[in-house]
């Protein structure tokens, strides 16, 4: 029985990165051997055990054979005769197919260390093509390691494109697609993740509402980058700088999908894209099982981002109507996140990256002024039913009007 540290822990150790999770492979053992040593079996599809003290995962060395479509369409063989090299051969990338023994000696049968030195994401074997989830995993690794210069090998990208052309990728579960997407959007260089999905063809299949945006023009006066797809990536880049929240980044990513529905006769203008994007966002969110907090902020962002961009031109009554629809009265943090996404949108344009964006502050200050209206005092005045709501709106509107006249002002 031999135990090896494998996968990402070895890779990150060699890269000098912090190791978050440790996975182990056990060669030459049976499930009975592991149970006798006090390990707890947790794997349903193949033998995986939790260490009795550390609770880290220890998997018996195994091989896999493709038997059906999708991520789970594999038959696993885990027995004492499976070698470490055979176990590593089934992994996705060479940099993830290394092991370390108890003496810290690296076992590297597929030249992972060389690919680390060359900063190359390269598949281990042609069996890479059997697992469609690897398209999303490689895209995530490309985003994660982009800052230190990693790129995807041409042959590996070709296999990713073949997976997408074959239709195999459509058999993934929506939950796994969202899991990889959420992890990538929450990390740095999330725009690289989207770009890789686009190059491979996965964006067309799982995110068609986004994929269609490339080639659709915007007015050059406001969007020197012209292309809506490029603008989308630029907005996502800005969102990464402004917030680490998944909700904000997802809202930034999908805020302009309504432009994909604009008739060419209207290009480069996109009248009504804010509301036409709502149904597109709902469809996308349903397809990949996006959680409600991301969905809600994305819908607010789509419908009202142009309001914030034109905030200084809006009537106080229009601002109040937006507040009532976005409901910062009950969810102020969500509204603040919405304004952050609007700022990312404003800065996600060529030449606008470092410009001030006073609009978000103005809208926030208008909300704060309206929120100070004392609802309890209105109720105590004896009004009932709709009269309370009407008086509340009147007072809130007056507060916004007063702020609009006084703005800008010294902030304490």
Protein backbone atom coordinates (compact mmCIF):
# COMPACT_ATOMS: atom_id res chain seq x y z
CA UNK A 1 0.00 0.00 0.00
CA UNK A 2 1.47 3.32 -1.13
CA UNK A 3 -0.02 6.78 -0.61
CA UNK A 4 0.61 9.79 -2.87
CA UNK A 5 -0.43 13.42 -2.78
CA UNK A 6 -1.90 14.16 -6.22
CA UNK A 7 -3.47 16.76 -8.49
CA UNK A 8 -3.89 20.40 -7.65
CA UNK A 9 -1.99 20.25 -4.37
CA UNK A 10 1.18 19.09 -6.17
CA UNK A 11 0.68 21.63 -8.93
CA UNK A 12 0.18 24.53 -6.54
CA UNK A 13 3.14 23.47 -4.38
CA UNK A 14 5.40 23.55 -7.44
CA UNK A 15 3.96 26.96 -8.41
CA UNK A 16 4.59 28.30 -4.92
CA UNK A 17 0.89 28.88 -4.31
CA UNK A 18 -1.11 28.27 -1.15
CA UNK A 19 -2.54 24.76 -1.03
CA UNK A 20 -6.23 24.81 -0.14
CA UNK A 21 -7.24 21.17 -0.61
CA UNK A 22 -5.20 17.99 -0.53
CA UNK A 23 -6.26 14.88 -2.43
CA UNK A 24 -4.54 11.54 -2.03
CA UNK A 25 -4.32 8.38 -4.13
CA UNK A 26 -3.76 4.97 -2.55
CA UNK A 27 -2.08 2.29 -4.67
CA UNK A 28 -2.13 -1.41 -3.83
CA UNK A 29 -4.99 -1.38 -1.33
CA UNK A 30 -8.52 -2.71 -1.14
CA UNK A 31 -11.59 -1.10 0.43
CA UNK A 32 -11.28 -3.62 3.24
CA UNK A 33 -7.72 -2.46 3.93
CA UNK A 34 -8.88 1.12 4.23
CA UNK A 35 -11.79 0.29 6.52
CA UNK A 36 -9.51 -1.70 8.82
CA UNK A 37 -7.30 1.38 9.18
CA UNK A 38 -10.27 3.46 10.31
CA UNK A 39 -11.03 5.30 7.06
CA UNK A 40 -14.67 6.14 6.32
CA UNK A 41 -15.92 5.24 2.83
CA UNK A 42 -17.88 8.05 1.11
CA UNK A 43 -17.56 7.37 -2.62
CA UNK A 44 -20.63 5.94 -4.29
CA UNK A 45 -19.28 5.50 -7.83
CA UNK A 46 -15.72 4.53 -6.87
CA UNK A 47 -13.87 3.95 -3.58
CA UNK A 48 -13.13 7.24 -1.81
CA UNK A 49 -12.37 7.38 1.90
CA UNK A 50 -12.02 10.07 4.55
CA UNK A 51 -8.92 9.98 6.72
CA UNK A 52 -9.90 9.15 10.33
CA UNK A 53 -8.21 12.32 11.67
CA UNK A 54 -7.62 14.88 8.88
CA UNK A 55 -10.86 14.00 7.02
CA UNK A 56 -8.98 14.55 3.74
CA UNK A 57 -10.03 12.41 0.78
CA UNK A 58 -8.11 9.26 -0.10
CA UNK A 59 -9.15 7.54 -3.34
CA UNK A 60 -8.05 4.11 -4.48
CA UNK A 61 -6.12 4.25 -7.73
CA UNK A 62 -8.52 3.66 -10.60
CA UNK A 63 -9.01 3.60 -14.34
CA UNK A 64 -12.09 4.74 -16.25
CA UNK A 65 -13.85 3.55 -19.37
CA UNK A 66 -16.38 5.67 -21.27
CA UNK A 67 -19.74 3.90 -21.38
CA UNK A 68 -22.34 6.64 -21.88
CA UNK A 69 -22.72 10.31 -22.68
CA UNK A 70 -22.08 13.10 -20.22
CA UNK A 71 -19.93 13.73 -17.18
CA UNK A 72 -21.10 10.61 -15.33
CA UNK A 73 -20.93 8.20 -18.26
CA UNK A 74 -17.90 6.25 -17.02
CA UNK A 75 -17.25 2.80 -15.64
CA UNK A 76 -14.54 2.79 -12.98
CA UNK A 77 -12.12 -0.01 -12.12
CA UNK A 78 -10.34 0.26 -8.77
CA UNK A 79 -8.26 -2.71 -7.69
CA UNK A 80 -4.85 -3.49 -6.23
CA UNK A 81 -3.30 -3.94 -9.67
CA UNK A 82 -4.04 -0.37 -10.86
CA UNK A 83 -0.77 1.58 -10.99
CA UNK A 84 -0.20 5.22 -10.11
CA UNK A 85 0.67 5.96 -13.73
CA UNK A 86 -2.62 4.48 -14.89
CA UNK A 87 -4.51 6.58 -12.37
CA UNK A 88 -2.73 9.77 -13.44
CA UNK A 89 -3.36 8.98 -17.12
CA UNK A 90 -7.13 9.51 -16.70
CA UNK A 91 -6.70 13.11 -15.44
CA UNK A 92 -7.43 16.21 -17.50
CA UNK A 93 -4.24 18.29 -17.73
CA UNK A 94 -0.59 17.34 -17.38
CA UNK A 95 -0.12 19.92 -14.64
CA UNK A 96 -2.83 18.09 -12.67
CA UNK A 97 -1.38 14.63 -13.40
CA UNK A 98 1.57 14.68 -11.03
CA UNK A 99 2.00 12.96 -7.67
CA UNK A 100 4.30 13.31 -4.67
CA UNK A 101 5.38 10.44 -2.43
CA UNK A 102 6.04 10.50 1.29
CA UNK A 103 9.63 11.61 0.65
CA UNK A 104 8.46 14.61 -1.45
CA UNK A 105 9.67 12.95 -4.64
CA UNK A 106 7.65 14.06 -7.68
CA UNK A 107 6.17 11.38 -9.91
CA UNK A 108 5.60 13.01 -13.30
CA UNK A 109 4.99 10.49 -16.10
CA UNK A 110 3.31 12.97 -18.48
CA UNK A 111 5.70 15.96 -18.32
CA UNK A 112 3.58 18.18 -16.10
CA UNK A 113 6.64 19.95 -14.70
CA UNK A 114 7.75 20.88 -18.21
CA UNK A 115 4.30 22.27 -18.98
CA UNK A 116 4.41 24.23 -15.72
CA UNK A 117 7.71 25.73 -16.85
CA UNK A 118 6.25 26.49 -20.27
CA UNK A 119 3.02 27.80 -18.65
CA UNK A 120 0.95 25.53 -20.83
CA UNK A 121 -2.42 23.93 -20.17
CA UNK A 122 -2.15 20.66 -22.09
CA UNK A 123 -4.29 17.51 -22.04
CA UNK A 124 -2.78 14.27 -20.73
CA UNK A 125 -4.16 11.89 -23.36
CA UNK A 126 -6.75 11.63 -26.14
CA UNK A 127 -9.17 10.39 -23.46
CA UNK A 128 -9.53 14.08 -22.55
CA UNK A 129 -12.30 14.24 -25.12
CA UNK A 130 -14.45 11.73 -23.23
CA UNK A 131 -15.36 14.13 -20.41
CA UNK A 132 -17.25 17.25 -21.61
CA UNK A 133 -16.90 18.98 -18.22
CA UNK A 134 -13.22 19.44 -19.05
CA UNK A 135 -14.09 22.24 -21.45
CA UNK A 136 -15.34 24.27 -18.48
CA UNK A 137 -12.54 23.13 -16.19
CA UNK A 138 -9.83 24.15 -18.65
CA UNK A 139 -11.57 27.49 -19.15
CA UNK A 140 -11.53 27.97 -15.38
CA UNK A 141 -7.85 27.06 -15.13
CA UNK A 142 -7.08 29.43 -18.02
CA UNK A 143 -8.76 32.24 -16.09
CA UNK A 144 -7.14 31.32 -12.80
CA UNK A 145 -3.61 31.15 -14.16
CA UNK A 146 -3.85 33.89 -16.80
CA UNK A 147 -2.16 36.39 -14.48
CA UNK A 148 1.01 34.29 -14.44
CA UNK A 149 1.03 33.75 -18.18
CA UNK A 150 -0.60 30.35 -18.77
CA UNK A 151 -2.22 29.62 -22.12
CA UNK A 152 -4.06 26.63 -23.59
CA UNK A 153 -2.16 24.31 -25.94
CA UNK A 154 -3.48 24.43 -29.51
CA UNK A 155 -4.12 20.68 -29.57
CA UNK A 156 -6.07 20.90 -26.32
CA UNK A 157 -8.24 23.71 -27.63
CA UNK A 158 -8.86 21.64 -30.75
CA UNK A 159 -10.14 18.79 -28.56
CA UNK A 160 -12.35 21.21 -26.63
CA UNK A 161 -13.83 22.42 -29.91
CA UNK A 162 -14.39 18.81 -30.99
CA UNK A 163 -16.27 18.11 -27.75
CA UNK A 164 -18.55 21.05 -28.47
CA UNK A 165 -19.10 20.14 -32.13
CA UNK A 166 -19.98 16.56 -31.19
CA UNK A 167 -22.82 17.73 -28.96
CA UNK A 168 -21.35 15.82 -26.02
CA UNK A 169 -21.15 19.02 -24.00
CA UNK A 170 -24.92 19.44 -24.10
CA UNK A 171 -25.25 16.34 -21.90
CA UNK A 172 -23.67 18.07 -18.90
CA UNK A 173 -25.91 18.86 -15.96
CA UNK A 174 -26.88 22.49 -15.55
CA UNK A 175 -25.68 22.34 -11.95
CA UNK A 176 -22.12 21.46 -13.00
CA UNK A 177 -22.07 24.20 -15.63
CA UNK A 178 -23.18 26.78 -13.07
CA UNK A 179 -20.71 25.45 -10.49
CA UNK A 180 -17.76 25.96 -12.84
CA UNK A 181 -19.13 29.34 -13.96
CA UNK A 182 -19.70 30.58 -10.42
CA UNK A 183 -16.18 29.55 -9.38
CA UNK A 184 -14.71 31.33 -12.39
CA UNK A 185 -16.76 34.51 -12.00
CA UNK A 186 -15.72 34.65 -8.34
CA UNK A 187 -12.02 34.49 -9.20
CA UNK A 188 -9.75 36.89 -11.04
CA UNK A 189 -9.74 37.18 -14.84
CA UNK A 190 -13.28 35.85 -15.18
CA UNK A 191 -13.37 37.44 -18.64
CA UNK A 192 -10.78 34.86 -19.76
CA UNK A 193 -13.19 32.10 -18.75
CA UNK A 194 -15.87 33.58 -21.01
CA UNK A 195 -13.40 34.10 -23.86
CA UNK A 196 -12.24 30.47 -23.70
CA UNK A 197 -15.82 29.21 -23.69
CA UNK A 198 -16.46 31.34 -26.75
CA UNK A 199 -13.38 30.07 -28.60
CA UNK A 200 -14.23 26.45 -27.83
CA UNK A 201 -17.88 26.78 -28.88
CA UNK A 202 -19.32 26.10 -25.42
CA UNK A 203 -20.70 29.63 -25.15
CA UNK A 204 -22.94 29.02 -28.17
CA UNK A 205 -24.40 25.93 -26.55
CA UNK A 206 -24.83 26.94 -22.91
CA UNK A 207 -24.87 30.75 -23.12
CA UNK A 208 -26.33 31.60 -26.56
CA UNK A 209 -27.74 34.89 -25.22
CA UNK A 210 -24.14 36.00 -24.62
CA UNK A 211 -22.55 34.37 -27.65
CA UNK A 212 -24.72 36.34 -30.07
CA UNK A 213 -23.42 39.69 -28.78
CA UNK A 214 -20.12 39.52 -30.67
CA UNK A 215 -20.47 41.39 -33.94
CA UNK A 216 -23.36 43.55 -32.76
CA UNK A 217 -22.30 47.24 -32.86
CA UNK A 218 -22.87 50.05 -30.39
CA UNK A 219 -22.71 53.80 -31.13
CA UNK A 220 -19.05 54.76 -31.44
CA UNK A 221 -19.64 58.02 -29.55
CA UNK A 222 -20.49 56.14 -26.36
CA UNK A 223 -18.74 52.87 -27.12
CA UNK A 224 -15.39 53.38 -28.86
CA UNK A 225 -14.87 49.61 -28.61
CA UNK A 226 -18.00 49.27 -30.83
CA UNK A 227 -18.58 45.53 -30.41
CA UNK A 228 -21.13 44.55 -27.75
CA UNK A 229 -19.32 41.29 -26.95
CA UNK A 230 -16.07 43.15 -26.33
CA UNK A 231 -17.95 45.68 -24.20
CA UNK A 232 -19.42 42.83 -22.15
CA UNK A 233 -15.96 41.48 -21.34
CA UNK A 234 -14.73 44.99 -20.49
CA UNK A 235 -17.66 45.47 -18.10
CA UNK A 236 -16.86 42.16 -16.43
CA UNK A 237 -13.24 43.26 -16.03
CA UNK A 238 -14.38 46.46 -14.33
CA UNK A 239 -16.81 44.56 -12.11
CA UNK A 240 -13.90 42.43 -10.91
CA UNK A 241 -12.06 45.56 -9.86
CA UNK A 242 -15.06 47.03 -8.05
CA UNK A 243 -16.53 44.00 -6.29
CA UNK A 244 -15.78 40.41 -5.35
CA UNK A 245 -19.48 39.54 -5.23
CA UNK A 246 -20.73 36.88 -7.61
CA UNK A 247 -24.07 38.70 -7.93
CA UNK A 248 -22.41 41.89 -9.16
CA UNK A 249 -20.19 40.09 -11.63
CA UNK A 250 -23.03 38.01 -13.05
CA UNK A 251 -25.20 41.11 -13.44
CA UNK A 252 -22.33 42.83 -15.27
CA UNK A 253 -21.93 39.82 -17.55
CA UNK A 254 -25.57 39.65 -18.72
CA UNK A 255 -26.67 43.29 -18.50
CA UNK A 256 -26.75 43.85 -22.29
CA UNK A 257 -28.18 40.57 -23.59
CA UNK A 258 -31.22 42.50 -24.82
CA UNK A 259 -29.03 43.97 -27.56
CA UNK A 260 -28.90 40.54 -29.12
CA UNK A 261 -32.57 41.00 -30.06
CA UNK A 262 -32.21 44.39 -31.76
CA UNK A 263 -33.14 44.39 -35.44
CA UNK A 264 -30.20 45.28 -37.68
CA UNK A 265 -32.16 48.20 -39.10
CA UNK A 266 -31.80 49.92 -35.71
CA UNK A 267 -28.04 49.29 -35.32
CA UNK A 268 -25.96 50.72 -33.76
CA UNK A 269 -28.78 51.96 -31.48
CA UNK A 270 -30.64 49.52 -29.27
CA UNK A 271 -33.99 51.02 -28.31
CA UNK A 272 -35.70 49.13 -25.52
CA UNK A 273 -32.88 46.65 -24.99
CA UNK A 274 -33.15 47.12 -21.24
CA UNK A 275 -36.58 45.47 -21.02
CA UNK A 276 -36.16 43.08 -23.92
CA UNK A 277 -33.21 41.59 -22.06
CA UNK A 278 -35.37 40.50 -19.13
CA UNK A 279 -36.83 37.43 -20.81
CA UNK A 280 -33.38 36.49 -22.13
CA UNK A 281 -31.93 36.62 -18.63
CA UNK A 282 -34.75 34.49 -17.24
CA UNK A 283 -34.19 31.90 -19.98
CA UNK A 284 -30.45 31.82 -19.32
CA UNK A 285 -30.91 31.59 -15.56
CA UNK A 286 -33.41 28.76 -15.93
CA UNK A 287 -31.07 26.86 -18.24
CA UNK A 288 -28.03 26.86 -15.94
CA UNK A 289 -29.86 26.99 -12.59
CA UNK A 290 -28.63 30.42 -11.53
CA UNK A 291 -29.47 31.13 -7.86
CA UNK A 292 -32.11 33.72 -7.06
CA UNK A 293 -29.80 36.42 -5.71
CA UNK A 294 -27.84 36.48 -8.97
CA UNK A 295 -31.00 36.34 -11.04
CA UNK A 296 -32.69 39.21 -9.16
CA UNK A 297 -29.75 41.58 -9.43
CA UNK A 298 -29.25 40.72 -13.10
CA UNK A 299 -32.88 41.58 -13.88
CA UNK A 300 -32.64 44.91 -12.03
CA UNK A 301 -29.39 45.67 -13.82
CA UNK A 302 -30.85 44.94 -17.25
CA UNK A 303 -33.97 47.01 -16.77
CA UNK A 304 -32.57 50.04 -14.97
CA UNK A 305 -28.87 50.52 -15.83
CA UNK A 306 -29.74 53.19 -18.40
CA UNK A 307 -31.71 55.05 -15.72
CA UNK A 308 -28.58 55.38 -13.61
CA UNK A 309 -26.46 56.41 -16.61
CA UNK A 310 -28.97 59.24 -17.22
CA UNK A 311 -29.63 59.93 -13.55
CA UNK A 312 -28.92 63.66 -13.65
CA UNK A 313 -31.43 64.07 -16.48
CA UNK A 314 -34.23 62.11 -14.81
CA UNK A 315 -37.20 63.68 -13.12
CA UNK A 316 -37.42 63.06 -9.36
CA UNK A 317 -40.64 61.16 -10.03
CA UNK A 318 -38.78 58.80 -12.36
CA UNK A 319 -36.13 58.18 -9.73
CA UNK A 320 -38.82 57.42 -7.18
CA UNK A 321 -40.53 55.02 -9.57
CA UNK A 322 -37.21 53.21 -10.05
CA UNK A 323 -36.73 53.01 -6.28
CA UNK A 324 -40.18 51.55 -5.81
CA UNK A 325 -39.53 48.91 -8.46
CA UNK A 326 -36.02 48.02 -7.26
CA UNK A 327 -37.15 48.05 -3.61
CA UNK A 328 -34.09 49.46 -1.82
CA UNK A 329 -36.47 50.16 1.05
CA UNK A 330 -36.24 46.50 2.03
CA UNK A 331 -33.03 45.48 0.23
CA UNK A 332 -30.63 48.44 0.36
CA UNK A 333 -27.50 46.32 -0.11
CA UNK A 334 -28.86 44.77 -3.29
CA UNK A 335 -29.52 48.26 -4.62
CA UNK A 336 -26.00 49.35 -3.72
CA UNK A 337 -24.65 46.31 -5.58
CA UNK A 338 -26.78 47.33 -8.56
CA UNK A 339 -25.11 50.77 -8.55
CA UNK A 340 -21.71 49.09 -8.42
CA UNK A 341 -22.61 47.07 -11.51
CA UNK A 342 -23.75 50.28 -13.22
CA UNK A 343 -20.37 51.84 -12.50
CA UNK A 344 -18.68 48.80 -14.03
CA UNK A 345 -20.86 49.24 -17.12
CA UNK A 346 -19.95 52.92 -17.42
CA UNK A 347 -16.23 52.19 -17.11
CA UNK A 348 -16.28 49.11 -19.33
CA UNK A 349 -15.66 51.14 -22.45
CA UNK A 350 -12.48 52.04 -24.29
CA UNK A 351 -11.14 55.29 -22.84
CA UNK A 352 -13.65 55.37 -19.98
CA UNK A 353 -11.91 52.92 -17.67
CA UNK A 354 -10.62 55.50 -15.17
CA UNK A 355 -13.31 58.16 -15.41
CA UNK A 356 -15.31 59.30 -12.42
CA UNK A 357 -18.88 58.06 -12.22
CA UNK A 358 -20.83 60.43 -9.98
CA UNK A 359 -24.15 58.97 -11.10
CA UNK A 360 -24.08 56.10 -8.64
CA UNK A 361 -23.40 58.41 -5.71
CA UNK A 362 -26.17 60.78 -6.76
CA UNK A 363 -28.72 57.98 -7.05
CA UNK A 364 -27.63 56.54 -3.70
CA UNK A 365 -27.91 59.92 -2.00
CA UNK A 366 -31.38 60.36 -3.52
CA UNK A 367 -32.40 57.00 -2.11
CA UNK A 368 -31.02 57.88 1.34
CA UNK A 369 -32.92 61.16 1.33
CA UNK A 370 -36.17 59.41 0.41
CA UNK A 371 -35.55 56.65 2.94
CA UNK A 372 -35.44 59.17 5.78
CA UNK A 373 -39.17 59.85 5.46
CA UNK A 374 -40.80 58.69 8.70
CA UNK A 375 -43.40 56.07 7.78
CA UNK A 376 -44.52 55.69 11.38
CA UNK A 377 -45.37 59.38 11.61
CA UNK A 378 -47.56 59.10 8.50
CA UNK A 379 -49.41 56.14 9.99
CA UNK A 380 -49.79 57.97 13.30
CA UNK A 381 -51.40 60.90 11.48
CA UNK A 382 -54.53 58.82 11.06
CA UNK A 383 -54.29 57.94 7.38
CA UNK A 384 -55.27 54.41 6.34
CA UNK A 385 -54.90 52.09 3.35
CA UNK A 386 -53.77 53.58 0.04
CA UNK A 387 -53.69 57.05 1.58
CA UNK A 388 -50.62 56.04 3.58
CA UNK A 389 -48.82 54.87 0.45
CA UNK A 390 -49.81 58.03 -1.44
CA UNK A 391 -48.58 60.35 1.34
CA UNK A 392 -45.38 58.35 1.69
CA UNK A 393 -44.65 58.72 -2.02
CA UNK A 394 -45.39 62.46 -1.82
CA UNK A 395 -42.92 62.97 1.01
CA UNK A 396 -40.29 60.81 -0.62
CA UNK A 397 -40.70 62.72 -3.88
CA UNK A 398 -40.24 66.01 -2.02
CA UNK A 399 -37.08 64.67 -0.42
CA UNK A 400 -35.65 63.70 -3.81
CA UNK A 401 -36.56 67.10 -5.28
CA UNK A 402 -34.81 68.85 -2.42
CA UNK A 403 -31.69 66.74 -2.86
CA UNK A 404 -31.64 67.32 -6.63
CA UNK A 405 -31.59 71.09 -6.08
CA UNK A 406 -28.82 70.85 -3.50
CA UNK A 407 -26.61 68.34 -5.33
CA UNK A 408 -23.61 68.37 -5.48
CA UNK A 409 -22.97 69.17 -1.86
CA UNK A 410 -20.35 68.67 0.78
CA UNK A 411 -20.49 65.15 2.18
CA UNK A 412 -19.91 64.67 5.88
